[in-house]
Amino acid sequence: MESVGKWIFWAALMLTLTAAPRARAFCGFYVAQGDKKLTNDATMVVMMREGTRTVLAMQNDYAGPPEDFAMVVPVPVVLHQENVKTLPHEVFAHVDLQSTPRLVEYWEQDPCPLEYDENADNKEGGTGTRAKGEEGSMGNPNARTRPLVTIEARFAVGEYDIVILAATDSMALDGWLRQNGYHIPEGAAEVLRPYVAAGSLFFVAKVDVHKVAFAGGRARLSPLRFHYDADRFSLPVRLGLLNSGGNQDLIVHIIASKRYDVVNYPHVTLPTNLELDESVRTRFPEFFAALFDQTMEKNPRAVVTEYAWSVSSCDPCPGPTLSSTELDVLGGDVLPRRGMAGQYVLTRLHTRYSKDTLGEDLVFAEAPPIEGGRDDGSGRTGAVPAQLDNFQGRYIVRHPWKAPITCASPQRGIWGGPPYGDRPVLPPNTRDPAVERGKLDLGGALRTDAAAIGVQHRAPPLEGSDAADDSARGRFRAGMSYGLLFGAALAMVVTARSRRRER
């Protein structure tokens, strides 16, 4: 009897969306002149690590009045001008593009394939198949017992005037900033205290708004990069809560010789390789927001790994991979041992936190390789140990064949690129980062279960997919079972009647 299931042929042609939600977090806090409310809207962090050398690059969006403002970030050592530089926006966009969760699409191929022409390979161009498609020290000089804030270094880089401050008391640092015309968020001194006690210095990058272009009240600032040496590999995030209006999202990219994970918070991997209903194609940002929200609800305070892959490759690839030049821009030029692209792993970590859930900065450590979200036919929706890092958030939409079927023995469930090689263009709103949450039914969007986060699919699996084949096999087995039971019962009835007749 012919099997009801078919092995699926996985095509190479895929569509990648870069519409994951924006990060809404900051590893320092904003201070502003005057009593004006500032909102920290979005930050992306890229870190490189080799030995004890850390290179920290961050890109910040700012919504507030067009006056001078500054960023304050704790650092372990004194930074000098040669430690700090500005970067182009494009390199951040490229890192985000390469690591963002992707939506891939498959189209069912014509169930009535054309006959193979053996002579086609000998024809010019033939393949034998059809085409597929701001300064000083603070304090009264006569009051020598009062703690002082001192400037350890001062320089300008791009649109930033930078000072490196040292303080012996958090109230002194708070006072220095206020004396120099900045309104500090309530509670700043308390949050600064553990950093001061630990001997941290403070990187204050003040912006000259005359050098910055504003659009709709939003400053487009050059990303900042600085590097330092420290045994501890961590990201200061507690100060960012001072700008928070509630929950904040934080996305951290780490580029190093190995994958990295957090050691002081729970950590999980993103559910991946989930099949989606066709309707989700134009609502992918909503879907991913719902998936991430459910992952965080199931794993409170967790840091979620969304991507861990060699920098030099990807599958599917949304475009060219990061080049050696881009890696140097991000910090490879100051690492102890400069490596080529193929010697680095890109890890993407994502979390959401609030004042109630975050009690300490994120601390990172090397982690063993994992894989998952690969087009390998395994159907696994989670990560497993591996020899190399090949893990990504990958989600699949399948489009079944909808044209008439004109042959007697159609071959269903053969998946590939779109018909005639055309790649449909998604509406612009699918790339809008302002995702409206809470309106998408996650279970109704899924055609396979997301068991790791306790969500069962409610959309039926497509004919020809693995899930549909499993379902069909189940129905077949059930039918066979019922048939055998019915047959046995019928045989018993026939036998009983025969015996009665014999009597």
Protein backbone atom coordinates (compact mmCIF):
# COMPACT_ATOMS: atom_id res chain seq x y z
CA MET A 1 0.00 0.00 0.00
CA GLU A 2 1.35 3.42 -0.95
CA SER A 3 2.38 5.54 2.06
CA VAL A 4 0.20 8.54 2.78
CA GLY A 5 3.31 10.55 3.71
CA LYS A 6 6.02 12.01 1.47
CA TRP A 7 9.51 13.30 2.26
CA ILE A 8 9.52 17.08 1.79
CA PHE A 9 12.01 18.61 -0.60
CA TRP A 10 13.35 21.82 1.06
CA ALA A 11 13.97 24.63 -1.41
CA ALA A 12 16.82 27.14 -1.23
CA LEU A 13 14.72 30.16 -2.17
CA MET A 14 13.44 31.87 1.02
CA LEU A 15 12.14 35.27 2.14
CA THR A 16 13.69 36.94 5.22
CA LEU A 17 11.91 39.66 7.22
CA THR A 18 13.78 42.08 9.49
CA ALA A 19 10.79 43.22 11.50
CA ALA A 20 11.58 41.97 14.99
CA PRO A 21 10.56 44.42 17.75
CA ARG A 22 12.97 47.24 18.57
CA ALA A 23 15.00 47.13 21.75
CA ARG A 24 13.77 49.59 24.38
CA ALA A 25 16.60 49.68 26.90
CA PHE A 26 19.92 51.38 27.73
CA CYS A 27 23.03 50.35 29.62
CA GLY A 28 23.34 53.85 31.20
CA PHE A 29 20.86 56.66 31.67
CA TYR A 30 20.13 59.99 30.03
CA VAL A 31 20.67 63.26 31.91
CA ALA A 32 19.26 66.52 30.56
CA GLN A 33 19.55 70.25 31.18
CA GLY A 34 16.44 71.66 32.85
CA ASP A 35 13.48 69.87 34.37
CA LYS A 36 12.45 68.07 31.20
CA LYS A 37 11.29 64.50 30.93
CA LEU A 38 13.49 62.34 28.72
CA THR A 39 12.50 59.03 27.30
CA ASN A 40 14.98 56.35 26.43
CA ASP A 41 13.31 54.87 23.40
CA ALA A 42 15.61 52.35 21.80
CA THR A 43 19.14 51.02 22.11
CA MET A 44 21.04 48.31 20.34
CA VAL A 45 24.25 46.96 21.85
CA VAL A 46 27.05 45.12 20.07
CA MET A 47 29.91 43.74 22.14
CA MET A 48 33.13 42.06 21.05
CA ARG A 49 35.23 40.04 23.47
CA GLU A 50 38.68 38.44 23.33
CA GLY A 51 40.64 37.57 26.48
CA THR A 52 40.00 40.45 28.92
CA ARG A 53 39.37 43.02 26.16
CA THR A 54 35.76 44.20 25.75
CA VAL A 55 34.61 46.48 22.97
CA LEU A 56 31.17 48.00 23.63
CA ALA A 57 29.27 49.73 20.84
CA MET A 58 25.76 51.14 21.25
CA GLN A 59 23.26 52.90 19.10
CA ASN A 60 20.65 55.08 20.81
CA ASP A 61 17.45 56.73 19.69
CA TYR A 62 16.32 59.72 21.76
CA ALA A 63 12.91 61.35 22.12
CA GLY A 64 12.87 64.66 24.02
CA PRO A 65 13.46 68.43 23.81
CA PRO A 66 16.14 69.66 21.41
CA GLU A 67 18.58 70.72 24.15
CA ASP A 68 21.87 69.32 25.31
CA PHE A 69 21.61 65.90 26.88
CA ALA A 70 24.10 63.24 27.85
CA MET A 71 24.58 59.57 28.47
CA VAL A 72 26.12 58.15 31.64
CA VAL A 73 27.65 54.68 31.53
CA PRO A 74 29.75 52.97 34.25
CA VAL A 75 33.16 51.78 32.99
CA PRO A 76 35.87 49.85 34.87
CA VAL A 77 38.88 51.96 33.80
CA VAL A 78 39.78 55.46 32.60
CA LEU A 79 39.04 55.83 28.89
CA HIS A 80 41.08 58.12 26.66
CA GLN A 81 40.33 59.53 23.24
CA GLU A 82 41.98 56.64 21.47
CA ASN A 83 39.56 54.30 23.25
CA VAL A 84 36.46 56.00 21.86
CA LYS A 85 35.11 56.47 18.36
CA THR A 86 31.84 56.92 16.51
CA LEU A 87 30.53 54.39 14.04
CA PRO A 88 28.29 54.37 10.98
CA HIS A 89 24.67 53.37 11.50
CA GLU A 90 24.82 50.89 8.66
CA VAL A 91 27.03 48.40 10.50
CA PHE A 92 24.45 48.13 13.30
CA ALA A 93 21.69 47.57 10.81
CA HIS A 94 23.73 44.79 9.22
CA VAL A 95 24.32 43.02 12.54
CA ASP A 96 20.62 43.23 13.33
CA LEU A 97 19.67 41.98 9.88
CA GLN A 98 21.93 38.96 10.06
CA SER A 99 20.70 37.83 13.49
CA THR A 100 17.03 38.77 13.54
CA PRO A 101 14.49 35.93 13.59
CA ARG A 102 13.41 35.14 10.06
CA LEU A 103 10.29 34.16 8.27
CA VAL A 104 10.78 31.75 5.39
CA GLU A 105 8.22 30.79 2.80
CA TYR A 106 7.69 27.74 0.65
CA TRP A 107 5.29 27.26 -2.22
CA GLU A 108 3.91 23.89 -3.19
CA GLN A 109 5.16 22.99 -6.63
CA ASP A 110 2.88 21.95 -9.47
CA PRO A 111 1.59 18.50 -8.49
CA CYS A 112 1.68 17.59 -12.18
CA PRO A 113 5.39 17.95 -13.07
CA LEU A 114 6.56 18.33 -16.61
CA GLU A 115 8.19 15.34 -18.22
CA TYR A 116 11.95 15.29 -18.09
CA ASP A 117 13.65 16.00 -21.40
CA GLU A 118 16.87 13.99 -21.52
CA ASN A 119 18.18 16.12 -24.36
CA ALA A 120 17.56 19.39 -22.47
CA ASP A 121 20.94 19.19 -20.71
CA ASN A 122 22.62 19.21 -24.09
CA LYS A 123 20.80 22.34 -25.19
CA GLU A 124 22.28 25.76 -24.61
CA GLY A 125 21.17 27.04 -21.21
CA GLY A 126 19.22 23.83 -20.58
CA THR A 127 19.14 22.08 -17.21
CA GLY A 128 16.76 19.24 -17.97
CA THR A 129 14.16 20.69 -15.59
CA ARG A 130 11.78 23.63 -15.58
CA ALA A 131 12.81 27.02 -14.30
CA LYS A 132 12.41 27.89 -10.52
CA GLY A 133 11.90 30.27 -9.58
CA GLU A 134 29.73 68.91 30.63
CA GLU A 135 33.03 69.92 33.90
CA GLY A 136 35.57 70.64 36.87
CA SER A 137 35.56 69.20 40.38
CA MET A 138 32.49 69.59 42.54
CA GLY A 139 32.38 70.86 46.12
CA ASN A 140 33.43 73.73 48.37
CA PRO A 141 37.27 73.87 48.42
CA ASN A 142 37.14 74.93 52.08
CA ALA A 143 35.15 71.84 52.96
CA ARG A 144 37.94 69.35 52.43
CA THR A 145 36.10 66.47 54.07
CA ARG A 146 33.35 66.51 51.44
CA PRO A 147 33.64 63.77 48.80
CA LEU A 148 34.81 65.02 45.44
CA VAL A 149 34.06 64.15 41.86
CA THR A 150 37.06 64.49 39.58
CA ILE A 151 37.52 64.53 35.85
CA GLU A 152 39.98 61.83 34.86
CA ALA A 153 39.86 62.50 31.12
CA ARG A 154 38.16 64.85 28.70
CA PHE A 155 37.94 64.92 24.91
CA ALA A 156 35.55 65.25 21.97
CA VAL A 157 34.59 62.60 19.45
CA GLY A 158 32.17 63.49 16.67
CA GLU A 159 29.12 65.25 18.13
CA TYR A 160 30.03 64.03 21.64
CA ASP A 161 31.89 65.98 24.37
CA ILE A 162 33.12 63.24 26.66
CA VAL A 163 34.30 63.33 30.28
CA ILE A 164 35.40 60.39 32.39
CA LEU A 165 34.42 60.97 36.02
CA ALA A 166 35.65 59.37 39.26
CA ALA A 167 33.61 59.67 42.45
CA THR A 168 33.99 58.56 46.07
CA ASP A 169 30.31 58.97 46.85
CA SER A 170 27.23 58.57 44.71
CA MET A 171 25.64 61.73 46.17
CA ALA A 172 28.73 63.67 45.06
CA LEU A 173 28.32 62.38 41.53
CA ASP A 174 24.61 63.23 41.59
CA GLY A 175 25.50 66.71 42.87
CA TRP A 176 28.18 67.24 40.21
CA LEU A 177 25.76 66.55 37.44
CA ARG A 178 23.08 68.83 38.97
CA GLN A 179 25.62 71.65 39.59
CA ASN A 180 26.56 71.46 35.93
CA GLY A 181 22.98 71.98 34.78
CA TYR A 182 21.60 68.48 34.45
CA HIS A 183 18.37 67.15 35.84
CA ILE A 184 19.03 63.68 37.19
CA PRO A 185 16.24 61.12 37.28
CA GLU A 186 14.85 60.45 40.74
CA GLY A 187 16.74 57.67 42.48
CA ALA A 188 19.95 58.14 40.50
CA ALA A 189 22.21 58.40 43.56
CA GLU A 190 20.87 55.14 44.94
CA VAL A 191 21.40 53.30 41.69
CA LEU A 192 24.88 54.82 41.26
CA ARG A 193 25.96 53.73 44.76
CA PRO A 194 26.96 50.10 43.97
CA TYR A 195 28.96 51.25 40.93
CA VAL A 196 30.81 53.86 43.03
CA ALA A 197 31.43 51.29 45.77
CA ALA A 198 32.85 48.90 43.17
CA GLY A 199 35.32 51.55 41.98
CA SER A 200 33.69 52.18 38.61
CA LEU A 201 34.36 55.32 36.67
CA PHE A 202 31.64 57.04 34.66
CA PHE A 203 31.65 57.72 30.96
CA VAL A 204 29.56 60.88 30.36
CA ALA A 205 29.02 61.63 26.70
CA LYS A 206 27.36 65.04 26.31
CA VAL A 207 25.86 65.87 22.96
CA ASP A 208 26.05 69.22 21.18
CA VAL A 209 22.65 69.36 19.52
CA HIS A 210 23.96 71.88 16.98
CA LYS A 211 25.90 69.02 15.47
CA VAL A 212 22.96 66.64 15.41
CA ALA A 213 20.06 66.38 13.00
CA PHE A 214 16.63 66.18 14.64
CA ALA A 215 13.60 64.80 12.86
CA GLY A 216 10.25 65.07 14.61
CA GLY A 217 11.95 65.75 17.94
CA ARG A 218 14.17 62.71 17.63
CA ALA A 219 17.96 62.96 17.47
CA ARG A 220 19.84 60.64 15.18
CA LEU A 221 23.04 60.11 17.11
CA SER A 222 26.17 58.47 15.84
CA PRO A 223 26.70 55.10 17.47
CA LEU A 224 29.46 55.18 20.09
CA ARG A 225 32.17 52.59 20.57
CA PHE A 226 34.69 52.30 23.39
CA HIS A 227 36.95 49.55 24.66
CA TYR A 228 38.61 48.57 27.93
CA ASP A 229 40.26 45.64 29.67
CA ALA A 230 38.53 43.88 32.56
CA ASP A 231 38.32 40.33 33.82
CA ARG A 232 34.55 40.56 34.22
CA PHE A 233 32.50 40.51 31.06
CA SER A 234 29.26 42.32 31.87
CA LEU A 235 26.80 44.93 30.68
CA PRO A 236 25.59 47.68 33.09
CA VAL A 237 21.84 47.83 32.67
CA ARG A 238 20.47 48.94 36.06
CA LEU A 239 20.95 52.63 35.28
CA GLY A 240 18.69 52.22 32.26
CA LEU A 241 15.72 51.66 34.54
CA LEU A 242 15.86 55.34 35.56
CA ASN A 243 14.54 56.21 32.09
CA SER A 244 12.01 53.43 32.03
CA GLY A 245 8.28 54.02 31.88
CA GLY A 246 7.71 50.32 32.56
CA ASN A 247 9.02 47.19 30.90
CA GLN A 248 12.06 47.52 28.66
CA ASP A 249 13.37 45.27 25.94
CA LEU A 250 17.10 44.79 25.59
CA ILE A 251 18.88 43.14 22.69
CA VAL A 252 22.60 42.41 23.02
CA HIS A 253 24.78 41.09 20.20
CA ILE A 254 28.05 39.44 21.24
CA ILE A 255 30.74 38.70 18.67
CA ALA A 256 33.48 36.43 19.98
CA SER A 257 35.30 33.20 19.25
CA LYS A 258 32.54 31.26 21.03
CA ARG A 259 28.88 31.58 21.87
CA TYR A 260 28.05 33.52 25.06
CA ASP A 261 25.18 33.32 27.51
CA VAL A 262 24.26 34.98 30.83
CA VAL A 263 25.32 33.28 34.06
CA ASN A 264 23.32 35.25 36.63
CA TYR A 265 19.83 34.96 35.15
CA PRO A 266 17.79 32.09 33.75
CA HIS A 267 18.54 31.49 30.08
CA VAL A 268 16.50 29.75 27.40
CA THR A 269 16.48 29.47 23.63
CA LEU A 270 13.70 30.78 21.45
CA PRO A 271 11.17 28.26 20.11
CA THR A 272 12.02 27.81 16.45
CA ASN A 273 11.06 25.89 13.31
CA LEU A 274 7.37 26.58 13.90
CA GLU A 275 4.94 26.34 10.99
CA LEU A 276 2.59 29.31 10.69
CA ASP A 277 -0.77 29.92 9.09
CA GLU A 278 -0.64 31.78 5.78
CA SER A 279 -2.43 34.77 7.36
CA VAL A 280 0.60 35.40 9.59
CA ARG A 281 2.71 36.32 6.58
CA THR A 282 1.64 39.98 6.76
CA ARG A 283 1.57 39.99 10.58
CA PHE A 284 4.99 38.54 11.34
CA PRO A 285 6.06 41.34 13.76
CA GLU A 286 2.87 40.75 15.76
CA PHE A 287 3.48 37.02 15.73
CA PHE A 288 7.06 37.37 16.94
CA ALA A 289 6.02 39.82 19.69
CA ALA A 290 3.39 37.32 20.87
CA LEU A 291 5.88 34.45 20.74
CA PHE A 292 8.52 36.38 22.70
CA ASP A 293 5.94 37.60 25.25
CA GLN A 294 4.80 34.03 25.85
CA THR A 295 8.40 32.84 26.14
CA MET A 296 9.08 35.46 28.83
CA GLU A 297 5.82 34.65 30.62
CA LYS A 298 6.79 31.00 30.71
CA ASN A 299 10.38 31.86 31.77
CA PRO A 300 10.29 34.98 34.02
CA ARG A 301 13.48 37.08 34.16
CA ALA A 302 15.07 34.90 31.48
CA VAL A 303 17.51 36.01 28.81
CA VAL A 304 16.53 34.43 25.52
CA THR A 305 19.03 33.28 22.90
CA GLU A 306 17.60 34.15 19.49
CA TYR A 307 20.65 33.49 17.34
CA ALA A 308 24.06 31.81 17.58
CA TRP A 309 25.86 31.24 14.29
CA SER A 310 29.21 31.73 12.63
CA VAL A 311 29.58 35.32 11.45
CA SER A 312 30.75 34.12 8.06
CA SER A 313 27.65 32.12 7.18
CA CYS A 314 23.87 31.91 7.55
CA ASP A 315 21.03 29.79 6.24
CA PRO A 316 18.87 31.38 5.01
CA CYS A 317 20.97 34.48 4.38
CA PRO A 318 19.13 37.83 4.27
CA GLY A 319 22.10 39.33 2.41
CA PRO A 320 25.89 39.37 2.53
CA THR A 321 27.40 38.21 5.82
CA LEU A 322 29.45 40.56 8.03
CA SER A 323 32.79 41.36 6.43
CA SER A 324 36.21 41.55 8.11
CA THR A 325 36.10 45.31 7.57
CA GLU A 326 32.79 45.59 9.43
CA LEU A 327 34.13 43.44 12.24
CA ASP A 328 37.11 45.81 12.56
CA VAL A 329 34.67 48.75 12.73
CA LEU A 330 32.82 47.02 15.56
CA GLY A 331 36.03 46.40 17.51
CA GLY A 332 38.08 43.70 15.85
CA ASP A 333 40.84 46.25 15.21
CA VAL A 334 41.60 46.56 18.96
CA LEU A 335 41.24 42.94 20.00
CA PRO A 336 44.46 41.17 21.16
CA ARG A 337 44.21 38.73 18.28
CA ARG A 338 42.46 39.98 15.20
CA GLY A 339 40.52 37.25 13.55
CA MET A 340 38.84 36.72 10.25
CA ALA A 341 35.07 36.62 9.96
CA GLY A 342 35.00 32.84 10.03
CA GLN A 343 36.65 32.77 13.48
CA TYR A 344 33.77 34.58 15.21
CA VAL A 345 30.34 33.53 16.45
CA LEU A 346 27.50 36.05 16.56
CA THR A 347 25.16 35.58 19.53
CA ARG A 348 21.90 37.52 19.87
CA LEU A 349 20.41 37.75 23.39
CA HIS A 350 17.02 39.31 24.12
CA THR A 351 15.25 40.02 27.41
CA ARG A 352 12.51 42.20 28.86
CA TYR A 353 12.91 43.62 32.32
CA SER A 354 11.54 46.15 34.80
CA LYS A 355 12.57 47.63 38.15
CA ASP A 356 10.98 44.63 39.80
CA THR A 357 12.72 41.93 37.80
CA LEU A 358 16.28 43.22 37.28
CA GLY A 359 18.50 43.36 40.36
CA GLU A 360 21.97 43.19 38.84
CA ASP A 361 23.85 43.78 35.63
CA LEU A 362 24.10 41.07 33.01
CA VAL A 363 27.21 38.89 33.35
CA PHE A 364 28.29 36.76 30.39
CA ALA A 365 30.35 33.61 30.00
CA GLU A 366 31.27 31.25 27.17
CA ALA A 367 28.70 28.59 26.40
CA PRO A 368 28.88 25.33 24.39
CA PRO A 369 27.66 25.23 20.77
CA ILE A 370 24.01 24.61 19.94
CA GLU A 371 21.98 24.13 16.81
CA GLY A 372 18.33 24.50 15.91
CA GLY A 373 16.05 26.25 13.46
CA ARG A 374 17.86 24.60 10.59
CA ASP A 375 16.31 23.37 7.38
CA ASP A 376 17.33 19.80 8.10
CA GLY A 377 13.99 18.04 8.09
CA SER A 378 14.27 17.11 11.79
CA GLY A 379 11.23 19.16 12.79
CA ARG A 380 12.89 20.07 16.11
CA THR A 381 11.48 23.24 17.67
CA GLY A 382 14.29 23.75 20.21
CA ALA A 383 18.07 23.81 20.52
CA VAL A 384 20.29 20.75 20.93
CA PRO A 385 24.04 20.41 21.65
CA ALA A 386 26.21 20.50 18.54
CA GLN A 387 29.77 20.67 17.29
CA LEU A 388 29.26 24.13 15.77
CA ASP A 389 26.84 26.95 16.54
CA ASN A 390 23.95 26.88 14.09
CA PHE A 391 20.91 28.20 15.97
CA GLN A 392 18.35 30.75 14.81
CA GLY A 393 14.74 31.75 15.20
CA ARG A 394 13.12 30.48 12.01
CA TYR A 395 9.43 30.36 11.15
CA ILE A 396 7.75 28.85 8.12
CA VAL A 397 4.74 29.80 6.02
CA ARG A 398 3.67 27.35 3.33
CA HIS A 399 1.49 28.18 0.36
CA PRO A 400 -0.35 25.11 -0.99
CA TRP A 401 -1.01 24.68 -4.71
CA LYS A 402 -4.29 26.43 -5.58
CA ALA A 403 -4.43 26.12 -9.36
CA PRO A 404 -6.34 23.27 -11.00
CA ILE A 405 -4.74 19.83 -10.84
CA THR A 406 -4.86 18.30 -14.30
CA CYS A 407 -3.17 14.94 -13.95
CA ALA A 408 -4.41 11.59 -12.71
CA SER A 409 -1.57 11.00 -10.20
CA PRO A 410 -0.64 14.37 -8.65
CA GLN A 411 2.46 14.56 -6.49
CA ARG A 412 1.47 16.72 -3.50
CA GLY A 413 3.75 18.18 -0.84
CA ILE A 414 6.73 19.12 -3.01
CA TRP A 415 7.83 22.55 -1.75
CA GLY A 416 10.05 25.15 -3.40
CA GLY A 417 10.20 28.73 -4.54
CA PRO A 418 7.26 30.83 -5.72
CA PRO A 419 5.68 29.95 -9.07
CA TYR A 420 7.48 31.25 -12.14
CA GLY A 421 10.37 32.47 -9.96
CA ASP A 422 8.48 35.59 -8.80
CA ARG A 423 9.17 36.64 -5.21
CA PRO A 424 6.18 38.51 -3.73
CA VAL A 425 6.89 41.81 -1.98
CA LEU A 426 5.41 42.17 1.49
CA PRO A 427 3.41 45.32 2.36
CA PRO A 428 5.55 48.01 4.05
CA ASN A 429 3.64 47.75 7.34
CA THR A 430 5.14 44.31 7.95
CA ARG A 431 8.46 46.03 8.58
CA ASP A 432 7.01 48.62 11.01
CA PRO A 433 8.81 48.27 14.39
CA ALA A 434 5.83 49.82 16.27
CA VAL A 435 4.15 46.49 16.89
CA GLU A 436 0.72 46.45 18.51
CA ARG A 437 0.78 43.68 21.07
CA GLY A 438 -1.99 41.51 22.40
CA LYS A 439 -4.17 41.23 19.30
CA LEU A 440 -2.76 38.16 17.62
CA ASP A 441 -3.99 34.75 18.76
CA LEU A 442 -0.75 32.78 19.02
CA GLY A 443 -2.39 29.35 18.99
CA GLY A 444 -4.48 30.31 15.97
CA ALA A 445 -1.35 31.50 14.16
CA LEU A 446 0.47 28.19 14.59
CA ARG A 447 0.15 25.08 12.48
CA THR A 448 2.51 23.16 14.78
CA ASP A 449 2.73 23.16 18.58
CA ALA A 450 5.14 25.37 20.52
CA ALA A 451 5.39 22.85 23.34
CA ALA A 452 8.31 24.55 25.13
CA ILE A 453 6.09 27.54 25.95
CA GLY A 454 2.86 25.61 26.36
CA VAL A 455 1.04 26.71 23.21
CA GLN A 456 -0.90 24.27 21.04
CA HIS A 457 -1.71 25.06 17.45
CA ARG A 458 -5.32 25.57 16.43
CA ALA A 459 -4.82 26.03 12.69
CA PRO A 460 -4.98 22.76 10.74
CA PRO A 461 -1.72 21.50 9.23
CA LEU A 462 -1.33 21.84 5.48
CA GLU A 463 -1.62 18.84 3.21
CA GLY A 464 1.83 17.65 2.28
CA SER A 465 3.57 19.08 5.37
CA ASP A 466 5.22 16.85 7.99
CA ALA A 467 2.46 17.70 10.47
CA ALA A 468 -0.22 16.85 7.94
CA ASP A 469 1.50 13.58 7.09
CA ASP A 470 1.66 12.67 10.78
CA SER A 471 -2.01 13.59 11.16
CA ALA A 472 -2.93 11.57 8.09
CA ARG A 473 -0.96 8.61 9.35
CA GLY A 474 -2.78 8.91 12.65
CA ARG A 475 -6.16 8.98 10.91
CA PHE A 476 -5.12 6.02 8.80
CA ARG A 477 -4.04 4.00 11.82
CA ALA A 478 -7.24 4.93 13.65
CA GLY A 479 -9.27 3.93 10.61
CA MET A 480 -7.44 0.64 10.36
CA SER A 481 -8.02 -0.01 14.05
CA TYR A 482 -11.72 0.75 13.80
CA GLY A 483 -11.90 -1.34 10.63
CA LEU A 484 -10.29 -4.31 12.33
CA LEU A 485 -12.62 -4.01 15.30
CA PHE A 486 -15.62 -3.75 13.02
CA GLY A 487 -14.42 -6.71 10.99
CA ALA A 488 -13.91 -8.78 14.11
CA ALA A 489 -17.37 -7.91 15.37
CA LEU A 490 -18.91 -8.72 12.01
CA ALA A 491 -17.11 -12.06 11.92
CA MET A 492 -18.46 -12.88 15.35
CA VAL A 493 -22.01 -12.08 14.24
CA VAL A 494 -21.68 -14.18 11.09
CA THR A 495 -20.24 -17.08 13.06
CA ALA A 496 -23.04 -16.92 15.61
CA ARG A 497 -25.71 -16.95 12.89
CA SER A 498 -24.05 -19.88 11.16
CA ARG A 499 -24.07 -21.87 14.35
CA ARG A 500 -27.73 -21.13 14.94
CA ARG A 501 -28.55 -22.35 11.45
CA GLU A 502 -26.58 -25.51 12.02
CA ARG A 503 -28.68 -26.24 15.06
